[in-house]
């Protein structure tokens, strides 16, 4: 099944892209922005909780990995916990994620977003392995994506199709004594302090 999926996907290597804004705020601001219009990916964070809508959100990303894949109509948001026994078979999980993307979205115009994981976490030893598997899905499907990996903080994310905007709410920003622009300067500088690795898709841009 997996080989058939990857063969079919090869013809979509040149996915069209469209620009998204990625905005960084604190978690208190994040909670104030959210409402019932946002489909939420909630605990216990398995593939069964995946959200599919024009507005999606998920909270409390620490050792987990959250990944969004969008076309021009909707976004599919995954939040997978590496310590949940239902997520232990990563090969099976990879196939399920690929199948869900292919069956749900328009493969002609996909764009991705991935965030999460903690390295050297004794309570979650497979955290990085999970992130790498899910990032591998984006690569196998030839999807352009922005990447925010590792770090020591808890994050929330949301996407709004009408604004074509990803929002990251980070608890590091909750404790700042002055405006984030004053202390951290640019969003790029802030993100480099929050995460171990960041990579921005050519079609995405950062914003406060």
C-alpha atoms as a PDB file:
ATOM      1  CA  UNK A   1       0.000   0.000   0.000  1.00  0.00           C
ATOM      2  CA  UNK A   2       2.738   2.455   0.898  1.00  0.00           C
ATOM      3  CA  UNK A   3       4.650   1.883  -2.354  1.00  0.00           C
ATOM      4  CA  UNK A   4       1.474   2.498  -4.372  1.00  0.00           C
ATOM      5  CA  UNK A   5       0.821   5.740  -2.496  1.00  0.00           C
ATOM      6  CA  UNK A   6       4.326   7.038  -3.120  1.00  0.00           C
ATOM      7  CA  UNK A   7       4.179   6.110  -6.801  1.00  0.00           C
ATOM      8  CA  UNK A   8       0.921   7.997  -7.300  1.00  0.00           C
ATOM      9  CA  UNK A   9       2.280  11.039  -5.497  1.00  0.00           C
ATOM     10  CA  UNK A  10       5.386  11.452  -7.671  1.00  0.00           C
ATOM     11  CA  UNK A  11       3.389  13.249 -10.352  1.00  0.00           C
ATOM     12  CA  UNK A  12       2.660  16.038  -7.853  1.00  0.00           C
ATOM     13  CA  UNK A  13       6.324  16.915  -7.265  1.00  0.00           C
ATOM     14  CA  UNK A  14       5.881  20.479  -8.461  1.00  0.00           C
ATOM     15  CA  UNK A  15       3.178  21.516  -6.018  1.00  0.00           C
ATOM     16  CA  UNK A  16       1.960  25.064  -6.480  1.00  0.00           C
ATOM     17  CA  UNK A  17       2.661  27.275  -3.472  1.00  0.00           C
ATOM     18  CA  UNK A  18       0.919  30.260  -1.930  1.00  0.00           C
ATOM     19  CA  UNK A  19       2.256  32.583   0.722  1.00  0.00           C
ATOM     20  CA  UNK A  20       1.288  32.196   4.370  1.00  0.00           C
ATOM     21  CA  UNK A  21       2.035  34.501   7.264  1.00  0.00           C
ATOM     22  CA  UNK A  22       3.492  32.935  10.421  1.00  0.00           C
ATOM     23  CA  UNK A  23       2.817  35.109  13.460  1.00  0.00           C
ATOM     24  CA  UNK A  24       4.424  34.686  16.881  1.00  0.00           C
ATOM     25  CA  UNK A  25       2.524  35.641  20.056  1.00  0.00           C
ATOM     26  CA  UNK A  26       2.395  34.568  23.719  1.00  0.00           C
ATOM     27  CA  UNK A  27       0.058  31.833  24.941  1.00  0.00           C
ATOM     28  CA  UNK A  28      -2.266  34.250  26.738  1.00  0.00           C
ATOM     29  CA  UNK A  29      -2.802  36.157  23.490  1.00  0.00           C
ATOM     30  CA  UNK A  30      -3.279  32.856  21.700  1.00  0.00           C
ATOM     31  CA  UNK A  31      -6.095  31.766  24.025  1.00  0.00           C
ATOM     32  CA  UNK A  32      -7.801  35.138  23.618  1.00  0.00           C
ATOM     33  CA  UNK A  33      -7.838  34.727  19.825  1.00  0.00           C
ATOM     34  CA  UNK A  34      -9.384  31.270  19.804  1.00  0.00           C
ATOM     35  CA  UNK A  35     -13.124  30.663  19.530  1.00  0.00           C
ATOM     36  CA  UNK A  36     -15.569  27.894  18.636  1.00  0.00           C
ATOM     37  CA  UNK A  37     -14.945  28.392  14.927  1.00  0.00           C
ATOM     38  CA  UNK A  38     -11.591  26.642  15.317  1.00  0.00           C
ATOM     39  CA  UNK A  39     -11.681  22.852  15.022  1.00  0.00           C
ATOM     40  CA  UNK A  40      -9.437  21.604  17.807  1.00  0.00           C
ATOM     41  CA  UNK A  41      -7.053  18.654  18.002  1.00  0.00           C
ATOM     42  CA  UNK A  42      -7.316  17.554  21.630  1.00  0.00           C
ATOM     43  CA  UNK A  43      -5.937  14.930  24.028  1.00  0.00           C
ATOM     44  CA  UNK A  44      -5.064  12.039  23.691  1.00  0.00           C
ATOM     45  CA  UNK A  45      -3.413  13.288  20.471  1.00  0.00           C
ATOM     46  CA  UNK A  46      -3.628  10.329  18.129  1.00  0.00           C
ATOM     47  CA  UNK A  47      -4.475  10.319  14.441  1.00  0.00           C
ATOM     48  CA  UNK A  48      -8.155   9.918  15.387  1.00  0.00           C
ATOM     49  CA  UNK A  49      -8.181  13.470  16.784  1.00  0.00           C
ATOM     50  CA  UNK A  50      -6.942  14.999  13.486  1.00  0.00           C
ATOM     51  CA  UNK A  51      -8.839  18.183  12.577  1.00  0.00           C
ATOM     52  CA  UNK A  52      -9.956  19.168   9.067  1.00  0.00           C
ATOM     53  CA  UNK A  53     -11.430  22.637   8.562  1.00  0.00           C
ATOM     54  CA  UNK A  54     -10.727  26.194   7.408  1.00  0.00           C
ATOM     55  CA  UNK A  55      -9.780  27.076  10.994  1.00  0.00           C
ATOM     56  CA  UNK A  56      -7.849  24.626  13.163  1.00  0.00           C
ATOM     57  CA  UNK A  57      -5.911  24.739  16.420  1.00  0.00           C
ATOM     58  CA  UNK A  58      -4.074  22.586  18.923  1.00  0.00           C
ATOM     59  CA  UNK A  59      -2.556  23.379  22.321  1.00  0.00           C
ATOM     60  CA  UNK A  60       0.219  22.164  24.590  1.00  0.00           C
ATOM     61  CA  UNK A  61       2.818  20.965  22.084  1.00  0.00           C
ATOM     62  CA  UNK A  62       5.872  19.938  24.093  1.00  0.00           C
ATOM     63  CA  UNK A  63       7.444  16.572  23.217  1.00  0.00           C
ATOM     64  CA  UNK A  64       4.650  15.946  20.687  1.00  0.00           C
ATOM     65  CA  UNK A  65       4.767  16.865  17.005  1.00  0.00           C
ATOM     66  CA  UNK A  66       2.053  18.916  15.312  1.00  0.00           C
ATOM     67  CA  UNK A  67       1.856  19.050  11.537  1.00  0.00           C
ATOM     68  CA  UNK A  68      -0.506  20.953   9.266  1.00  0.00           C
ATOM     69  CA  UNK A  69      -0.990  20.350   5.550  1.00  0.00           C
ATOM     70  CA  UNK A  70      -3.221  22.714   3.605  1.00  0.00           C
ATOM     71  CA  UNK A  71      -4.594  23.171   0.142  1.00  0.00           C
ATOM     72  CA  UNK A  72      -6.549  26.216  -1.033  1.00  0.00           C
ATOM     73  CA  UNK A  73      -9.778  25.106   0.656  1.00  0.00           C
ATOM     74  CA  UNK A  74      -8.940  23.549   4.033  1.00  0.00           C
ATOM     75  CA  UNK A  75      -6.179  22.452   6.348  1.00  0.00           C
ATOM     76  CA  UNK A  76      -5.543  19.043   7.892  1.00  0.00           C
ATOM     77  CA  UNK A  77      -3.954  19.323  11.352  1.00  0.00           C
ATOM     78  CA  UNK A  78      -2.250  16.427  13.135  1.00  0.00           C
ATOM     79  CA  UNK A  79      -1.031  16.429  16.755  1.00  0.00           C
ATOM     80  CA  UNK A  80       0.682  13.166  17.674  1.00  0.00           C
ATOM     81  CA  UNK A  81       1.960  12.255  21.146  1.00  0.00           C
ATOM     82  CA  UNK A  82       5.076  10.014  21.167  1.00  0.00           C
ATOM     83  CA  UNK A  83       4.318   8.489  24.599  1.00  0.00           C
ATOM     84  CA  UNK A  84       0.805   7.279  23.756  1.00  0.00           C
ATOM     85  CA  UNK A  85       0.851   3.514  23.169  1.00  0.00           C
ATOM     86  CA  UNK A  86      -1.619   3.913  20.302  1.00  0.00           C
ATOM     87  CA  UNK A  87       1.063   5.844  18.427  1.00  0.00           C
ATOM     88  CA  UNK A  88       3.910   3.376  19.040  1.00  0.00           C
ATOM     89  CA  UNK A  89       3.983   1.825  15.546  1.00  0.00           C
ATOM     90  CA  UNK A  90       5.527   4.694  13.575  1.00  0.00           C
ATOM     91  CA  UNK A  91       5.537   2.787  10.272  1.00  0.00           C
ATOM     92  CA  UNK A  92       1.793   2.184  10.511  1.00  0.00           C
ATOM     93  CA  UNK A  93       1.254   5.762  11.625  1.00  0.00           C
ATOM     94  CA  UNK A  94       3.249   7.068   8.664  1.00  0.00           C
ATOM     95  CA  UNK A  95       1.036   5.140   6.242  1.00  0.00           C
ATOM     96  CA  UNK A  96      -2.135   6.410   7.943  1.00  0.00           C
ATOM     97  CA  UNK A  97      -0.941  10.023   7.766  1.00  0.00           C
ATOM     98  CA  UNK A  98      -0.048   9.710   4.073  1.00  0.00           C
ATOM     99  CA  UNK A  99      -3.392   8.095   3.261  1.00  0.00           C
ATOM    100  CA  UNK A 100      -5.313  10.798   5.123  1.00  0.00           C
ATOM    101  CA  UNK A 101      -3.486  13.587   3.261  1.00  0.00           C
ATOM    102  CA  UNK A 102      -4.017  11.959  -0.137  1.00  0.00           C
ATOM    103  CA  UNK A 103      -7.696  11.171   0.450  1.00  0.00           C
ATOM    104  CA  UNK A 104      -8.577  14.544   1.999  1.00  0.00           C
ATOM    105  CA  UNK A 105      -6.637  17.290   0.209  1.00  0.00           C
ATOM    106  CA  UNK A 106      -6.044  18.567  -3.315  1.00  0.00           C
ATOM    107  CA  UNK A 107      -2.563  17.313  -4.122  1.00  0.00           C
ATOM    108  CA  UNK A 108      -1.986  19.982  -6.767  1.00  0.00           C
ATOM    109  CA  UNK A 109      -1.479  22.795  -4.239  1.00  0.00           C
ATOM    110  CA  UNK A 110      -0.199  21.608  -0.882  1.00  0.00           C
ATOM    111  CA  UNK A 111       1.845  23.458   1.709  1.00  0.00           C
ATOM    112  CA  UNK A 112       3.015  22.247   5.097  1.00  0.00           C
ATOM    113  CA  UNK A 113       3.911  23.355   8.613  1.00  0.00           C
ATOM    114  CA  UNK A 114       5.572  21.235  11.297  1.00  0.00           C
ATOM    115  CA  UNK A 115       6.446  22.042  14.912  1.00  0.00           C
ATOM    116  CA  UNK A 116       7.458  20.113  18.003  1.00  0.00           C
ATOM    117  CA  UNK A 117       9.724  17.519  19.634  1.00  0.00           C
ATOM    118  CA  UNK A 118      12.219  17.640  22.482  1.00  0.00           C
ATOM    119  CA  UNK A 119      15.713  16.162  22.301  1.00  0.00           C
ATOM    120  CA  UNK A 120      17.301  14.213  25.175  1.00  0.00           C
ATOM    121  CA  UNK A 121      13.973  13.988  27.017  1.00  0.00           C
ATOM    122  CA  UNK A 122      14.171  10.920  29.276  1.00  0.00           C
ATOM    123  CA  UNK A 123      10.393  10.826  29.650  1.00  0.00           C
ATOM    124  CA  UNK A 124       9.861  10.863  25.887  1.00  0.00           C
ATOM    125  CA  UNK A 125      12.801   9.054  24.245  1.00  0.00           C
ATOM    126  CA  UNK A 126      11.080   8.753  20.830  1.00  0.00           C
ATOM    127  CA  UNK A 127      10.154  12.407  20.538  1.00  0.00           C
ATOM    128  CA  UNK A 128      12.751  13.250  17.865  1.00  0.00           C
ATOM    129  CA  UNK A 129      12.070  10.012  15.989  1.00  0.00           C
ATOM    130  CA  UNK A 130       8.397  10.939  15.706  1.00  0.00           C
ATOM    131  CA  UNK A 131       9.205  14.419  14.403  1.00  0.00           C
ATOM    132  CA  UNK A 132      11.623  13.019  11.830  1.00  0.00           C
ATOM    133  CA  UNK A 133       9.048  10.494  10.615  1.00  0.00           C
ATOM    134  CA  UNK A 134       6.380  13.169  10.177  1.00  0.00           C
ATOM    135  CA  UNK A 135       8.818  15.535   8.464  1.00  0.00           C
ATOM    136  CA  UNK A 136       9.703  12.602   6.220  1.00  0.00           C
ATOM    137  CA  UNK A 137       6.060  12.431   5.117  1.00  0.00           C
ATOM    138  CA  UNK A 138       6.264  16.025   3.875  1.00  0.00           C
ATOM    139  CA  UNK A 139       9.422  15.182   1.968  1.00  0.00           C
ATOM    140  CA  UNK A 140       7.980  11.998   0.460  1.00  0.00           C
ATOM    141  CA  UNK A 141       4.924  13.883  -0.759  1.00  0.00           C
ATOM    142  CA  UNK A 142       7.109  16.726  -2.092  1.00  0.00           C
ATOM    143  CA  UNK A 143       5.305  19.326   0.036  1.00  0.00           C
ATOM    144  CA  UNK A 144       6.985  22.665   0.727  1.00  0.00           C
ATOM    145  CA  UNK A 145       6.922  23.368   4.458  1.00  0.00           C
ATOM    146  CA  UNK A 146       8.109  25.560   7.310  1.00  0.00           C
ATOM    147  CA  UNK A 147       9.783  23.786  10.227  1.00  0.00           C
ATOM    148  CA  UNK A 148      10.135  24.589  13.946  1.00  0.00           C
ATOM    149  CA  UNK A 149      11.951  21.810  15.792  1.00  0.00           C
ATOM    150  CA  UNK A 150      12.973  21.252  19.403  1.00  0.00           C
ATOM    151  CA  UNK A 151      13.590  23.935  22.005  1.00  0.00           C
ATOM    152  CA  UNK A 152      12.642  24.021  25.674  1.00  0.00           C
ATOM    153  CA  UNK A 153       9.186  25.592  25.521  1.00  0.00           C
ATOM    154  CA  UNK A 154       5.518  24.679  25.203  1.00  0.00           C
ATOM    155  CA  UNK A 155       3.727  25.955  22.120  1.00  0.00           C
ATOM    156  CA  UNK A 156       0.218  26.229  20.693  1.00  0.00           C
ATOM    157  CA  UNK A 157      -0.556  26.595  16.989  1.00  0.00           C
ATOM    158  CA  UNK A 158      -3.551  27.611  14.895  1.00  0.00           C
ATOM    159  CA  UNK A 159      -4.309  28.235  11.235  1.00  0.00           C
ATOM    160  CA  UNK A 160      -6.938  30.508   9.675  1.00  0.00           C
ATOM    161  CA  UNK A 161      -7.527  29.964   5.956  1.00  0.00           C
ATOM    162  CA  UNK A 162      -9.199  33.329   5.316  1.00  0.00           C
ATOM    163  CA  UNK A 163      -6.130  35.129   6.680  1.00  0.00           C
ATOM    164  CA  UNK A 164      -3.784  32.418   5.359  1.00  0.00           C
ATOM    165  CA  UNK A 165      -2.053  32.724   8.702  1.00  0.00           C
ATOM    166  CA  UNK A 166      -0.350  30.346  11.105  1.00  0.00           C
ATOM    167  CA  UNK A 167      -0.157  31.553  14.708  1.00  0.00           C
ATOM    168  CA  UNK A 168       2.373  30.181  17.204  1.00  0.00           C
ATOM    169  CA  UNK A 169       1.683  30.853  20.878  1.00  0.00           C
ATOM    170  CA  UNK A 170       4.820  30.291  22.974  1.00  0.00           C
ATOM    171  CA  UNK A 171       5.112  30.310  26.760  1.00  0.00           C
ATOM    172  CA  UNK A 172       8.550  31.939  26.581  1.00  0.00           C
ATOM    173  CA  UNK A 173       6.821  35.147  25.537  1.00  0.00           C
ATOM    174  CA  UNK A 174       4.439  35.007  28.539  1.00  0.00           C
ATOM    175  CA  UNK A 175       7.179  36.015  30.955  1.00  0.00           C
ATOM    176  CA  UNK A 176       8.670  38.977  29.086  1.00  0.00           C
ATOM    177  CA  UNK A 177       8.709  42.168  31.156  1.00  0.00           C
ATOM    178  CA  UNK A 178       8.764  44.456  28.097  1.00  0.00           C
ATOM    179  CA  UNK A 179       7.218  44.290  24.614  1.00  0.00           C
ATOM    180  CA  UNK A 180       8.623  41.360  22.645  1.00  0.00           C
ATOM    181  CA  UNK A 181       9.789  43.658  19.866  1.00  0.00           C
ATOM    182  CA  UNK A 182      11.948  45.581  22.365  1.00  0.00           C
ATOM    183  CA  UNK A 183      13.588  42.523  23.916  1.00  0.00           C
ATOM    184  CA  UNK A 184      13.795  40.138  20.987  1.00  0.00           C
ATOM    185  CA  UNK A 185      13.876  42.431  17.967  1.00  0.00           C
ATOM    186  CA  UNK A 186      12.652  40.477  14.959  1.00  0.00           C
ATOM    187  CA  UNK A 187      10.393  37.394  14.875  1.00  0.00           C
ATOM    188  CA  UNK A 188      13.273  35.524  13.224  1.00  0.00           C
ATOM    189  CA  UNK A 189      15.512  36.264  16.205  1.00  0.00           C
ATOM    190  CA  UNK A 190      12.793  35.196  18.646  1.00  0.00           C
ATOM    191  CA  UNK A 191      12.165  31.913  16.838  1.00  0.00           C
ATOM    192  CA  UNK A 192      15.887  31.127  16.766  1.00  0.00           C
ATOM    193  CA  UNK A 193      15.857  31.390  20.576  1.00  0.00           C
ATOM    194  CA  UNK A 194      12.708  29.333  21.018  1.00  0.00           C
ATOM    195  CA  UNK A 195      13.562  26.414  18.708  1.00  0.00           C
ATOM    196  CA  UNK A 196      16.704  24.391  18.008  1.00  0.00           C
ATOM    197  CA  UNK A 197      16.045  24.386  14.278  1.00  0.00           C
ATOM    198  CA  UNK A 198      13.903  26.595  12.079  1.00  0.00           C
ATOM    199  CA  UNK A 199      13.420  26.509   8.339  1.00  0.00           C
ATOM    200  CA  UNK A 200      11.057  28.808   6.492  1.00  0.00           C
ATOM    201  CA  UNK A 201       9.422  27.814   3.218  1.00  0.00           C
ATOM    202  CA  UNK A 202      10.175  30.212   0.379  1.00  0.00           C
ATOM    203  CA  UNK A 203       6.496  31.125   0.213  1.00  0.00           C
ATOM    204  CA  UNK A 204       6.089  31.894   3.955  1.00  0.00           C
ATOM    205  CA  UNK A 205       6.863  35.076   5.891  1.00  0.00           C
ATOM    206  CA  UNK A 206       7.264  35.855   9.590  1.00  0.00           C
ATOM    207  CA  UNK A 207       5.410  38.508  11.565  1.00  0.00           C
ATOM    208  CA  UNK A 208       4.788  39.732  15.112  1.00  0.00           C
END
